[in-house]
Amino acid sequence: MRITKVTTRNGDYGKTNLAKGDVVSKDSLIIKTLGEIDELNSHIGFAISLINEPNIVDELKSIQNHLFDMGGLISLFDNENRFSQEKVIFLDHRIEYYNSELSPLSEFILPGGDQFSSLLHILRTITRRAERSLVSLFLETINDDNNMLKYLNRLSDYFFVLSRQYNHQKGINENIWKR
C-alpha cells in the first residue's frame, strides 16, 4: 500500500485500514502493536539526530527499515510472507561485535550515561513493550512469525550492549546497581 495523501478522513470514527484493506478499530491489538513499533522507530530517529558516528547511524537506519518491513508484514496479517532471518542474524553479529570489547557483567547496570546512551535504554524498554504486544497479537491470531519475535528480543539486547559500548568508548562509567 502506498500513501498518496495523509488526510483520508477514513479514521474519523475510530477505524483504520490494514494493508490488505481490512477495517479495524484503532484500539485493536494489531494497531496497538503497529503503533508501538512506529513509536520505537520514531525514537530511533531521535537517537540518530544525537550522534555523529556514521557506522552507528547506518546501523540505526537499517534497523528503522527493518521495523518498517515488520510493520508492513504485520499489517498484511498473513503467514505467507515472513520476516527475514538475515535481519535477526544482522543484530546477532552487531551484539557480538559490541560485546567483544566489554567486560563481563558482574551486576545489573542502571540506565544512564550521556543523552545518547540514556536514550538507547529508553529504546530498549520501548522495544520490550513492542515485543510483549507482538506476543499478545500472535496469541490472538494465527500468525507465528518467530523471526519477528526474535528480532525484537535481539533488538532490545542490541540497544543495551550498544549503550554499554558507547559509554565505554566515551569513558563514561557504568552506573552499577548497589544492592
Protein backbone atom coordinates (compact mmCIF):
# COMPACT_ATOMS: atom_id res chain seq x y z
CA MET A 1 0.00 0.00 0.00
CA ARG A 2 1.36 3.41 -0.95
CA ILE A 3 0.17 6.52 0.81
CA THR A 4 -0.60 9.28 -1.64
CA LYS A 5 -2.18 11.69 0.83
CA VAL A 6 -2.10 12.00 4.60
CA THR A 7 -5.69 13.03 5.29
CA THR A 8 -8.11 10.35 4.14
CA ARG A 9 -10.93 11.11 6.62
CA ASN A 10 -11.38 7.33 6.99
CA GLY A 11 -10.20 7.33 10.61
CA ASP A 12 -12.60 9.95 11.89
CA TYR A 13 -14.79 7.29 13.52
CA GLY A 14 -12.11 5.27 15.27
CA LYS A 15 -11.47 2.84 12.44
CA THR A 16 -8.47 2.34 10.17
CA ASN A 17 -7.47 0.14 7.24
CA LEU A 18 -4.79 -2.54 7.24
CA ALA A 19 -2.63 -3.16 4.18
CA LYS A 20 -4.99 -5.83 2.83
CA GLY A 21 -7.94 -3.46 3.20
CA ASP A 22 -9.40 -4.96 6.39
CA VAL A 23 -11.02 -2.29 8.56
CA VAL A 24 -10.17 -2.49 12.27
CA SER A 25 -10.75 -0.42 15.37
CA LYS A 26 -7.93 1.94 16.27
CA ASP A 27 -7.81 0.34 19.72
CA SER A 28 -7.29 -3.18 18.33
CA LEU A 29 -4.23 -5.17 19.35
CA ILE A 30 -2.82 -5.08 15.83
CA ILE A 31 -2.96 -1.27 15.74
CA LYS A 32 -1.50 -1.09 19.24
CA THR A 33 1.40 -3.30 18.13
CA LEU A 34 1.96 -1.30 14.94
CA GLY A 35 1.84 1.92 16.97
CA GLU A 36 4.48 0.67 19.38
CA ILE A 37 6.77 -0.32 16.52
CA ASP A 38 6.18 3.12 14.98
CA GLU A 39 6.95 4.81 18.31
CA LEU A 40 10.16 2.79 18.55
CA ASN A 41 11.11 3.82 15.02
CA SER A 42 10.48 7.50 15.82
CA HIS A 43 12.69 7.34 18.90
CA ILE A 44 15.43 5.72 16.82
CA GLY A 45 15.18 8.73 14.50
CA PHE A 46 15.72 10.96 17.52
CA ALA A 47 18.73 8.87 18.58
CA ILE A 48 20.21 9.29 15.09
CA SER A 49 19.93 13.07 15.48
CA LEU A 50 22.08 12.89 18.64
CA ILE A 51 25.08 11.01 17.27
CA ASN A 52 27.67 11.79 14.66
CA GLU A 53 29.20 8.35 14.16
CA PRO A 54 28.46 7.15 10.61
CA ASN A 55 28.67 3.41 11.39
CA ILE A 56 26.14 3.65 14.21
CA VAL A 57 23.90 5.96 12.16
CA ASP A 58 23.95 3.43 9.31
CA GLU A 59 23.08 0.59 11.69
CA LEU A 60 20.21 2.54 13.21
CA LYS A 61 18.87 3.46 9.76
CA SER A 62 18.99 -0.23 8.79
CA ILE A 63 17.03 -1.06 11.93
CA GLN A 64 14.46 1.60 11.04
CA ASN A 65 13.99 -0.07 7.65
CA HIS A 66 13.70 -3.49 9.31
CA LEU A 67 10.99 -2.16 11.63
CA PHE A 68 9.13 -0.71 8.66
CA ASP A 69 9.31 -4.13 6.98
CA MET A 70 7.97 -5.70 10.16
CA GLY A 71 5.08 -3.26 10.36
CA GLY A 72 4.17 -3.95 6.75
CA LEU A 73 4.14 -7.71 7.34
CA ILE A 74 2.03 -7.32 10.47
CA SER A 75 -0.41 -5.12 8.57
CA LEU A 76 -0.66 -7.77 5.83
CA PHE A 77 -1.61 -10.18 8.59
CA ASP A 78 -0.81 -13.49 6.94
CA ASN A 79 1.58 -16.38 7.24
CA GLU A 80 2.68 -16.25 3.60
CA ASN A 81 5.26 -13.51 3.94
CA ARG A 82 7.90 -13.97 6.61
CA PHE A 83 10.30 -11.61 8.34
CA SER A 84 13.83 -12.35 7.15
CA GLN A 85 16.07 -14.39 9.43
CA GLU A 86 19.01 -12.41 7.98
CA LYS A 87 17.77 -9.38 9.91
CA VAL A 88 18.00 -11.36 13.16
CA ILE A 89 21.49 -12.51 12.19
CA PHE A 90 22.47 -8.87 11.49
CA LEU A 91 21.60 -8.00 15.11
CA ASP A 92 23.35 -11.10 16.45
CA HIS A 93 26.56 -10.03 14.68
CA ARG A 94 26.34 -6.44 15.91
CA ILE A 95 25.71 -7.58 19.51
CA GLU A 96 28.66 -9.96 19.32
CA TYR A 97 30.87 -7.20 17.90
CA TYR A 98 29.99 -4.66 20.60
CA ASN A 99 30.16 -7.23 23.38
CA SER A 100 33.66 -8.33 22.34
CA GLU A 101 35.24 -5.18 23.79
CA LEU A 102 33.21 -5.07 27.01
CA SER A 103 33.97 -6.56 30.38
CA PRO A 104 31.54 -9.24 31.56
CA LEU A 105 28.59 -8.05 33.62
CA SER A 106 29.05 -8.51 37.35
CA GLU A 107 25.87 -6.70 38.39
CA PHE A 108 22.83 -5.01 36.90
CA ILE A 109 23.52 -1.71 35.17
CA LEU A 110 21.23 1.22 35.79
CA PRO A 111 20.27 3.23 32.70
CA GLY A 112 22.38 6.32 32.22
CA GLY A 113 25.35 7.91 30.59
CA ASP A 114 25.01 10.87 28.29
CA GLN A 115 21.87 11.78 26.33
CA PHE A 116 22.52 9.27 23.54
CA SER A 117 23.31 6.27 25.73
CA SER A 118 20.38 7.08 28.04
CA LEU A 119 18.09 7.18 25.00
CA LEU A 120 19.37 3.73 24.00
CA HIS A 121 17.98 2.43 27.30
CA ILE A 122 14.63 4.07 26.52
CA LEU A 123 14.74 2.36 23.12
CA ARG A 124 15.44 -0.94 24.90
CA THR A 125 12.31 -0.59 27.04
CA ILE A 126 10.10 0.54 24.13
CA THR A 127 11.36 -2.50 22.20
CA ARG A 128 10.39 -4.80 25.10
CA ARG A 129 6.90 -3.26 25.15
CA ALA A 130 6.52 -3.78 21.40
CA GLU A 131 7.73 -7.36 21.85
CA ARG A 132 5.10 -8.02 24.53
CA SER A 133 2.37 -6.62 22.27
CA LEU A 134 3.58 -8.76 19.37
CA VAL A 135 3.43 -11.86 21.59
CA SER A 136 -0.15 -10.97 22.55
CA LEU A 137 -1.05 -10.36 18.91
CA PHE A 138 0.38 -13.72 17.86
CA LEU A 139 -1.52 -15.48 20.65
CA GLU A 140 -4.73 -13.84 19.39
CA THR A 141 -4.13 -14.65 15.71
CA ILE A 142 -2.79 -17.43 13.57
CA ASN A 143 0.41 -15.53 12.83
CA ASP A 144 3.51 -17.08 14.33
CA ASP A 145 6.42 -15.38 12.58
CA ASN A 146 9.04 -16.26 15.15
CA ASN A 147 11.69 -14.19 13.35
CA MET A 148 9.77 -11.03 14.30
CA LEU A 149 9.81 -12.06 17.95
CA LYS A 150 13.48 -13.00 17.76
CA TYR A 151 14.27 -9.68 16.11
CA LEU A 152 12.57 -7.58 18.79
CA ASN A 153 14.17 -9.68 21.51
CA ARG A 154 17.62 -9.20 19.99
CA LEU A 155 16.95 -5.53 19.29
CA SER A 156 16.48 -4.75 22.97
CA ASP A 157 19.74 -6.58 23.67
CA TYR A 158 21.40 -4.60 20.88
CA PHE A 159 20.36 -1.28 22.44
CA PHE A 160 21.66 -2.41 25.85
CA VAL A 161 25.02 -3.56 24.50
CA LEU A 162 25.37 -0.51 22.24
CA SER A 163 24.76 1.74 25.24
CA ARG A 164 27.45 -0.08 27.23
CA GLN A 165 29.88 0.08 24.31
CA TYR A 166 29.17 3.75 23.64
CA ASN A 167 29.71 4.64 27.32
CA HIS A 168 32.91 2.58 27.34
CA GLN A 169 34.18 4.31 24.19
CA LYS A 170 33.39 7.77 25.63
CA GLY A 171 34.92 6.99 29.04
CA ILE A 172 31.56 7.20 30.83
CA ASN A 173 31.42 4.96 33.90
CA GLU A 174 28.61 2.46 34.10
CA ASN A 175 26.08 3.10 36.83
CA ILE A 176 26.12 -0.20 38.74
CA TRP A 177 23.14 -1.21 40.87
CA LYS A 178 24.05 -1.11 44.56
CA ARG A 179 22.06 -3.68 46.49
